[in-house]
Amino acid sequence: MKTVGIICEYNPFHNGHRRQIQQIRERFGLDTAVVCLMSGNYVQRGAPALVDKSIRAKAAVLSGADLVLELPITVSLSSAEGFAAGGVRILSRFCDVLCFGTESMTEEMLVQTAQALLSPQLSDLLKEEITSGCSFPIARQQALARMGVKTILSNPNDILGVEYTKAILSQQSSMTIFPVFRNGDYHSQVLSSQAPSATALRKAMLSGDDWQTAVPEATVPLLQNAAFHTLAAGERAILSKLRTMTDEDFERLPYGSEGLWRKLMKACRSKNDLTVIIEATKSKRYTRTRIDRMILCAFLGLTEEDMGILPPKIRVLAFNDRGRSILRTHDCFCNAGEAVDETEQRIGNLYGLFAINAVEPPDSETKRRIFYHQEKS
């Protein structure tokens, strides 16, 4: 029996995600175990997840996943490279194969590009391109072109796919890769039922438009009854934190190198809302997403030293009978109990401040329960 891993956010779970799980079993067999390593209540673009992680994990198991583990926040709020590296390091303990979506790249292209990014030659070329003043993604693309690699790294899933492949190679992981073609536009604002973008789905749900056909049937009641969370709903709480931070607090933030933390600090002390702060801080060289992650890390109290560190055990969110057998084999790596450590509890309790209808109580993290789906025989 193969065990296939997926590093995901499921923000929220939709038909495209279910199709990926189906493709795994079409390729490796119906007895294949699918392990999902899912971001918790905060996602990589630097925002709260639309709905609680327990709901998203339950939706995944009801639609074919066997085990859902929580990607630690020190990984989920990392750059694409850190996100991939942390995810691969965790799933290498459980899985034979890593499956991920890609817009345009074959397995051969992924490996070729990953090998180029790991080449010692890249470092000097990358420095030269960054010195010219361009952003890191553009500098990397131009450096690769100078090395003879024709791959265009502009699509989100292609970029992550290369980072996953690079992490597997650099860590000498035994996992192989299974890239699957992703239909539709990742950033599309128009909701498609067969190949929905999470962006369009979140937009439809928040605006009250029809969205039910874009998610599996079992997911509909979960999302209909869920509380929604947005960055905008927690803006004043974030501003309160930013306005009370010291110089040293800003200096310790992740992603603040090359004086970016000073620029953010100056904006926080002179501007009156998040949008203006972000616009005053970002530039051609520093992307909006990087600033968003810095701000969310500031609010959550995460420092540069925290990022990338993995806890001794990975938290279990949901599983079925097949997932339970995996847990029994790997119980030394998984926290199947309900207890959470102090940092996890503190960060989890802040999530309720992003609820759009009413602030949620601060004890939800300690009351969270693992979902077990007992399948019919």
Protein backbone atom coordinates (compact mmCIF):
# COMPACT_ATOMS: atom_id res chain seq x y z
CA MET A 1 0.00 0.00 0.00
CA LYS A 2 1.33 3.41 -1.00
CA THR A 3 1.07 6.41 1.29
CA VAL A 4 0.79 9.68 -0.61
CA GLY A 5 1.16 13.09 1.01
CA ILE A 6 -0.40 16.43 0.13
CA ILE A 7 0.77 19.76 1.59
CA CYS A 8 -2.30 21.96 1.55
CA GLU A 9 -4.39 24.79 2.96
CA TYR A 10 -7.92 23.85 1.87
CA ASN A 11 -9.05 27.45 2.30
CA PRO A 12 -11.71 26.15 1.86
CA PHE A 13 -11.89 22.56 0.55
CA HIS A 14 -13.41 22.45 -2.95
CA ASN A 15 -14.02 20.14 -5.92
CA GLY A 16 -10.50 20.61 -7.26
CA HIS A 17 -9.08 19.28 -4.01
CA ARG A 18 -11.37 16.24 -4.11
CA ARG A 19 -10.30 15.62 -7.71
CA GLN A 20 -6.64 15.56 -6.66
CA ILE A 21 -7.36 12.85 -4.10
CA GLN A 22 -9.25 10.88 -6.76
CA GLN A 23 -6.30 11.19 -9.16
CA ILE A 24 -3.96 9.78 -6.51
CA ARG A 25 -6.08 6.65 -6.16
CA GLU A 26 -6.49 6.35 -9.93
CA ARG A 27 -2.69 6.36 -10.22
CA PHE A 28 -1.68 4.24 -7.20
CA GLY A 29 -4.77 2.15 -6.41
CA LEU A 30 -7.87 2.33 -4.26
CA ASP A 31 -6.01 1.11 -1.18
CA THR A 32 -3.64 4.11 -1.26
CA ALA A 33 -3.49 6.08 1.98
CA VAL A 34 -3.72 9.86 1.58
CA VAL A 35 -2.11 12.02 4.29
CA CYS A 36 -2.84 15.75 4.17
CA LEU A 37 -0.55 18.19 5.96
CA MET A 38 -2.79 21.25 6.23
CA SER A 39 -2.15 24.80 7.40
CA GLY A 40 -3.98 25.64 10.60
CA ASN A 41 -5.94 28.83 11.14
CA TYR A 42 -3.39 31.06 9.38
CA VAL A 43 -2.33 30.61 5.77
CA GLN A 44 0.83 31.26 3.80
CA ARG A 45 -0.32 34.47 2.11
CA GLY A 46 -0.37 36.12 5.54
CA ALA A 47 -4.05 36.00 6.51
CA PRO A 48 -6.45 34.03 8.71
CA ALA A 49 -8.11 31.06 7.04
CA LEU A 50 -11.70 31.75 6.08
CA VAL A 51 -13.03 28.94 8.28
CA ASP A 52 -11.64 27.07 11.26
CA LYS A 53 -9.06 24.32 10.67
CA SER A 54 -11.30 21.68 12.28
CA ILE A 55 -13.99 22.27 9.66
CA ARG A 56 -11.51 22.18 6.79
CA ALA A 57 -9.93 18.97 8.10
CA LYS A 58 -13.33 17.30 8.51
CA ALA A 59 -14.27 18.29 4.94
CA ALA A 60 -11.07 16.66 3.65
CA VAL A 61 -11.66 13.35 5.43
CA LEU A 62 -15.30 13.23 4.34
CA SER A 63 -14.08 13.66 0.74
CA GLY A 64 -11.43 10.96 0.65
CA ALA A 65 -8.43 11.93 2.78
CA ASP A 66 -7.40 9.39 5.41
CA LEU A 67 -5.43 11.55 7.82
CA VAL A 68 -5.16 15.32 8.24
CA LEU A 69 -2.24 16.72 10.23
CA GLU A 70 -1.69 20.36 11.12
CA LEU A 71 1.21 22.11 9.43
CA PRO A 72 2.95 24.06 12.22
CA ILE A 73 2.47 27.82 12.02
CA THR A 74 6.24 28.29 11.94
CA VAL A 75 6.06 26.58 8.54
CA SER A 76 2.66 27.73 7.27
CA LEU A 77 3.69 31.41 7.52
CA SER A 78 7.05 30.84 5.83
CA SER A 79 8.12 31.83 2.33
CA ALA A 80 7.43 29.31 -0.45
CA GLU A 81 10.87 27.79 0.14
CA GLY A 82 10.34 27.43 3.90
CA PHE A 83 6.76 26.25 3.45
CA ALA A 84 7.90 23.48 1.11
CA ALA A 85 10.97 22.52 3.13
CA GLY A 86 9.05 22.16 6.38
CA GLY A 87 6.22 20.25 4.75
CA VAL A 88 8.58 17.82 3.02
CA ARG A 89 10.54 17.24 6.22
CA ILE A 90 7.35 16.24 8.05
CA LEU A 91 5.73 14.12 5.33
CA SER A 92 8.96 12.25 4.61
CA ARG A 93 8.30 10.43 7.92
CA PHE A 94 4.99 9.04 6.64
CA CYS A 95 4.83 9.04 2.88
CA ASP A 96 6.24 7.33 -0.21
CA VAL A 97 5.02 9.98 -2.64
CA LEU A 98 4.31 13.72 -2.57
CA CYS A 99 1.45 14.87 -4.79
CA PHE A 100 0.93 18.51 -5.77
CA GLY A 101 -0.72 20.57 -8.48
CA THR A 102 1.10 22.31 -11.30
CA GLU A 103 -0.12 24.64 -14.02
CA SER A 104 2.37 23.67 -16.71
CA MET A 105 5.37 21.64 -15.50
CA THR A 106 6.18 17.98 -16.08
CA GLU A 107 8.13 15.86 -13.61
CA GLU A 108 11.25 16.25 -15.77
CA MET A 109 10.93 20.04 -15.82
CA LEU A 110 10.42 20.17 -12.06
CA VAL A 111 13.54 18.12 -11.37
CA GLN A 112 15.66 20.08 -13.87
CA THR A 113 14.61 23.43 -12.39
CA ALA A 114 15.07 22.23 -8.81
CA GLN A 115 18.56 20.98 -9.58
CA ALA A 116 19.46 24.35 -11.10
CA LEU A 117 18.19 26.16 -7.99
CA LEU A 118 20.41 23.93 -5.86
CA SER A 119 23.46 24.56 -8.04
CA PRO A 120 26.33 26.57 -6.46
CA GLN A 121 26.37 28.64 -9.65
CA LEU A 122 22.98 30.13 -8.85
CA SER A 123 24.07 32.09 -5.77
CA ASP A 124 26.41 34.50 -7.57
CA LEU A 125 24.01 35.03 -10.46
CA LEU A 126 21.14 35.68 -8.05
CA LYS A 127 23.16 38.28 -6.15
CA GLU A 128 23.95 40.09 -9.40
CA GLU A 129 20.29 40.22 -10.40
CA ILE A 130 19.08 41.35 -6.95
CA THR A 131 21.73 44.10 -6.93
CA SER A 132 20.08 45.52 -10.04
CA GLY A 133 17.03 46.29 -7.88
CA CYS A 134 14.49 43.71 -9.06
CA SER A 135 12.35 41.59 -6.75
CA PHE A 136 13.50 38.15 -5.66
CA PRO A 137 11.10 36.22 -7.97
CA ILE A 138 12.26 38.19 -11.01
CA ALA A 139 15.92 37.93 -9.98
CA ARG A 140 15.58 34.16 -9.64
CA GLN A 141 13.90 33.85 -13.02
CA GLN A 142 16.63 35.87 -14.72
CA ALA A 143 19.36 33.89 -12.98
CA LEU A 144 17.81 30.62 -14.15
CA ALA A 145 17.64 31.94 -17.71
CA ARG A 146 21.35 32.73 -17.60
CA MET A 147 21.94 29.10 -16.57
CA GLY A 148 20.04 27.87 -19.60
CA VAL A 149 16.87 26.83 -17.76
CA LYS A 150 13.89 27.91 -19.84
CA THR A 151 11.22 27.26 -17.21
CA ILE A 152 9.07 30.30 -16.44
CA LEU A 153 8.37 30.45 -12.70
CA SER A 154 5.36 32.74 -12.57
CA ASN A 155 2.43 30.49 -11.68
CA PRO A 156 1.84 29.83 -7.95
CA ASN A 157 1.56 26.05 -8.17
CA ASP A 158 4.56 25.77 -10.50
CA ILE A 159 6.65 27.76 -8.01
CA LEU A 160 5.57 25.61 -5.08
CA GLY A 161 6.04 22.44 -7.12
CA VAL A 162 9.66 23.38 -7.81
CA GLU A 163 10.19 24.17 -4.13
CA TYR A 164 8.73 20.80 -3.11
CA THR A 165 11.02 19.03 -5.58
CA LYS A 166 14.02 21.06 -4.42
CA ALA A 167 13.28 20.21 -0.79
CA ILE A 168 13.04 16.49 -1.58
CA LEU A 169 16.40 16.61 -3.38
CA SER A 170 18.20 18.72 -0.78
CA GLN A 171 16.88 16.67 2.15
CA GLN A 172 17.61 13.41 0.30
CA SER A 173 14.05 12.36 1.03
CA SER A 174 12.94 8.95 -0.16
CA MET A 175 9.67 10.43 -1.45
CA THR A 176 9.02 10.60 -5.18
CA ILE A 177 6.84 13.28 -6.78
CA PHE A 178 3.48 12.97 -8.50
CA PRO A 179 2.58 16.32 -10.12
CA VAL A 180 -1.00 16.63 -11.36
CA PHE A 181 -2.20 19.23 -13.84
CA ARG A 182 -4.28 21.96 -12.24
CA ASN A 183 -7.19 23.16 -14.35
CA GLY A 184 -8.37 26.75 -14.13
CA ASP A 185 -6.78 29.99 -12.99
CA TYR A 186 -5.43 30.07 -9.43
CA HIS A 187 -6.33 33.76 -9.07
CA SER A 188 -9.61 33.68 -11.00
CA GLN A 189 -12.37 35.87 -9.61
CA VAL A 190 -15.03 33.89 -11.51
CA LEU A 191 -16.21 30.76 -9.73
CA SER A 192 -16.11 27.49 -11.68
CA SER A 193 -17.83 24.43 -10.28
CA GLN A 194 -15.40 21.89 -11.75
CA ALA A 195 -12.09 23.76 -11.38
CA PRO A 196 -12.73 26.47 -8.80
CA SER A 197 -10.12 28.85 -7.52
CA ALA A 198 -10.09 29.26 -3.75
CA THR A 199 -9.97 33.03 -4.32
CA ALA A 200 -13.25 33.00 -6.24
CA LEU A 201 -14.84 30.59 -3.77
CA ARG A 202 -13.97 32.79 -0.78
CA LYS A 203 -15.28 35.84 -2.63
CA ALA A 204 -18.60 34.12 -3.40
CA MET A 205 -19.04 32.91 0.16
CA LEU A 206 -18.34 36.31 1.67
CA SER A 207 -20.60 38.14 -0.78
CA GLY A 208 -23.53 35.74 -0.41
CA ASP A 209 -23.37 34.48 -4.00
CA ASP A 210 -24.01 30.85 -4.94
CA TRP A 211 -21.00 28.66 -4.19
CA GLN A 212 -22.43 25.26 -3.25
CA THR A 213 -21.73 23.57 -6.61
CA ALA A 214 -18.00 24.33 -6.28
CA VAL A 215 -17.54 22.09 -3.21
CA PRO A 216 -18.26 18.41 -2.51
CA GLU A 217 -21.76 17.65 -1.24
CA ALA A 218 -20.48 16.65 2.20
CA THR A 219 -18.71 20.01 2.54
CA VAL A 220 -21.78 22.18 1.91
CA PRO A 221 -23.38 21.91 5.39
CA LEU A 222 -20.00 22.36 7.08
CA LEU A 223 -19.40 25.67 5.31
CA GLN A 224 -23.00 26.84 5.55
CA ASN A 225 -22.82 26.69 9.35
CA ALA A 226 -19.25 27.99 9.68
CA ALA A 227 -18.16 31.34 11.07
CA PHE A 228 -16.15 33.31 8.51
CA HIS A 229 -12.87 35.04 9.33
CA THR A 230 -11.08 37.80 7.42
CA LEU A 231 -8.05 39.98 7.94
CA ALA A 232 -10.23 43.09 7.72
CA ALA A 233 -12.36 41.93 10.65
CA GLY A 234 -9.27 41.83 12.87
CA GLU A 235 -7.68 45.05 11.62
CA ARG A 236 -8.05 47.03 14.84
CA ALA A 237 -6.61 44.20 16.90
CA ILE A 238 -3.59 44.09 14.57
CA LEU A 239 -3.16 47.87 14.67
CA SER A 240 -3.26 47.78 18.45
CA LYS A 241 -0.37 45.31 18.46
CA LEU A 242 1.65 47.20 15.84
CA ARG A 243 1.30 50.51 17.68
CA THR A 244 2.70 49.08 20.92
CA MET A 245 5.72 47.30 19.45
CA THR A 246 9.23 48.50 20.29
CA ASP A 247 12.09 48.98 17.85
CA GLU A 248 13.50 45.66 19.04
CA ASP A 249 10.18 43.91 18.38
CA PHE A 250 10.19 45.09 14.76
CA GLU A 251 13.84 44.16 14.30
CA ARG A 252 13.13 40.55 15.37
CA LEU A 253 10.32 40.06 12.81
CA PRO A 254 10.68 37.43 10.09
CA TYR A 255 11.36 38.71 6.54
CA GLY A 256 12.61 42.09 7.81
CA SER A 257 16.15 41.87 6.44
CA GLU A 258 17.91 44.68 4.56
CA GLY A 259 16.16 47.27 6.68
CA LEU A 260 12.64 46.30 5.67
CA TRP A 261 11.65 46.12 9.33
CA ARG A 262 12.54 49.81 9.71
CA LYS A 263 10.35 50.72 6.77
CA LEU A 264 7.44 48.77 8.22
CA MET A 265 8.00 50.30 11.67
CA LYS A 266 7.97 53.81 10.23
CA ALA A 267 4.72 53.14 8.37
CA CYS A 268 3.08 51.62 11.47
CA ARG A 269 3.92 54.73 13.47
CA SER A 270 2.60 57.22 10.92
CA LYS A 271 -0.30 55.55 9.05
CA ASN A 272 -3.79 54.84 10.30
CA ASP A 273 -4.89 51.62 8.55
CA LEU A 274 -3.39 48.36 7.31
CA THR A 275 -3.86 49.04 3.61
CA VAL A 276 -1.96 52.31 3.83
CA ILE A 277 0.75 50.71 5.98
CA ILE A 278 1.23 47.91 3.45
CA GLU A 279 1.30 50.31 0.48
CA ALA A 280 3.88 52.47 2.26
CA THR A 281 6.09 49.44 2.96
CA LYS A 282 5.98 47.32 -0.18
CA SER A 283 8.04 48.10 -3.24
CA LYS A 284 9.17 46.61 -6.52
CA ARG A 285 11.66 44.56 -4.55
CA TYR A 286 9.46 43.53 -1.61
CA THR A 287 6.18 41.84 -2.47
CA ARG A 288 2.81 42.44 -0.86
CA THR A 289 2.68 38.86 0.43
CA ARG A 290 5.98 39.27 2.25
CA ILE A 291 4.66 42.37 4.04
CA ASP A 292 1.39 40.59 4.89
CA ARG A 293 3.32 37.73 6.50
CA MET A 294 5.49 40.16 8.46
CA ILE A 295 2.42 41.92 9.84
CA LEU A 296 0.62 38.71 10.78
CA CYS A 297 3.76 37.37 12.46
CA ALA A 298 3.99 40.63 14.41
CA PHE A 299 0.41 40.24 15.60
CA LEU A 300 0.94 36.60 16.58
CA GLY A 301 4.24 37.31 18.32
CA LEU A 302 6.40 35.20 16.00
CA THR A 303 10.06 36.16 15.50
CA GLU A 304 12.70 35.29 12.94
CA GLU A 305 14.12 32.73 15.38
CA ASP A 306 10.77 30.93 15.57
CA MET A 307 10.35 30.34 11.84
CA GLY A 308 11.05 26.89 10.46
CA ILE A 309 11.33 25.23 13.88
CA LEU A 310 9.27 22.04 14.05
CA PRO A 311 7.57 20.84 17.24
CA PRO A 312 8.42 17.38 18.60
CA LYS A 313 5.04 16.10 17.49
CA ILE A 314 2.64 17.12 14.72
CA ARG A 315 -0.95 17.69 15.74
CA VAL A 316 -3.71 15.43 14.41
CA LEU A 317 -6.87 17.16 13.17
CA ALA A 318 -8.94 14.38 11.56
CA PHE A 319 -8.70 10.75 10.44
CA ASN A 320 -10.62 7.66 9.37
CA ASP A 321 -9.91 3.96 9.96
CA ARG A 322 -7.05 3.87 7.46
CA GLY A 323 -5.64 7.02 8.98
CA ARG A 324 -5.82 5.45 12.42
CA SER A 325 -3.56 2.61 11.26
CA ILE A 326 -1.01 5.19 10.10
CA LEU A 327 -1.18 6.90 13.49
CA ARG A 328 -0.54 3.63 15.27
CA THR A 329 2.60 3.12 13.21
CA HIS A 330 3.86 6.69 13.65
CA ASP A 331 2.55 7.65 17.08
CA CYS A 332 5.99 8.96 18.08
CA PHE A 333 5.56 11.76 15.51
CA CYS A 334 1.88 12.61 16.03
CA ASN A 335 -0.01 14.29 18.84
CA ALA A 336 -3.34 12.51 18.92
CA GLY A 337 -4.27 13.99 22.30
CA GLU A 338 -6.21 17.16 22.91
CA ALA A 339 -3.57 19.09 24.90
CA VAL A 340 -1.80 22.02 23.24
CA ASP A 341 1.31 23.86 24.32
CA GLU A 342 1.27 27.45 25.56
CA THR A 343 2.34 29.05 22.28
CA GLU A 344 -0.16 27.06 20.23
CA GLN A 345 -2.93 27.96 22.66
CA ARG A 346 -2.06 31.66 22.60
CA ILE A 347 -1.93 31.86 18.81
CA GLY A 348 -5.06 29.76 18.43
CA ASN A 349 -7.02 31.98 20.80
CA LEU A 350 -6.23 35.05 18.67
CA TYR A 351 -8.00 33.55 15.65
CA GLY A 352 -11.41 34.41 17.10
CA LEU A 353 -10.60 38.13 16.75
CA PHE A 354 -10.88 37.73 12.96
CA ALA A 355 -14.50 36.51 13.03
CA ILE A 356 -16.63 38.86 10.94
CA ASN A 357 -19.89 38.60 12.87
CA ALA A 358 -18.85 38.52 16.53
CA VAL A 359 -15.61 38.03 18.42
CA GLU A 360 -15.27 34.38 19.42
CA PRO A 361 -14.35 33.27 22.96
CA PRO A 362 -10.63 32.86 23.68
CA ASP A 363 -10.74 29.19 24.71
CA SER A 364 -11.60 27.55 21.38
CA GLU A 365 -8.14 26.01 20.95
CA THR A 366 -8.30 24.07 24.21
CA LYS A 367 -11.84 22.87 23.42
CA ARG A 368 -10.96 21.63 19.93
CA ARG A 369 -11.62 17.94 19.29
CA ILE A 370 -10.16 15.56 16.71
CA PHE A 371 -12.64 14.38 14.08
CA TYR A 372 -12.83 10.63 13.57
CA HIS A 373 -14.78 9.34 10.58
CA GLN A 374 -15.81 5.71 11.00
CA GLU A 375 -16.53 4.44 7.52
CA LYS A 376 -19.37 2.04 6.81
CA SER A 377 -18.27 -1.55 6.27
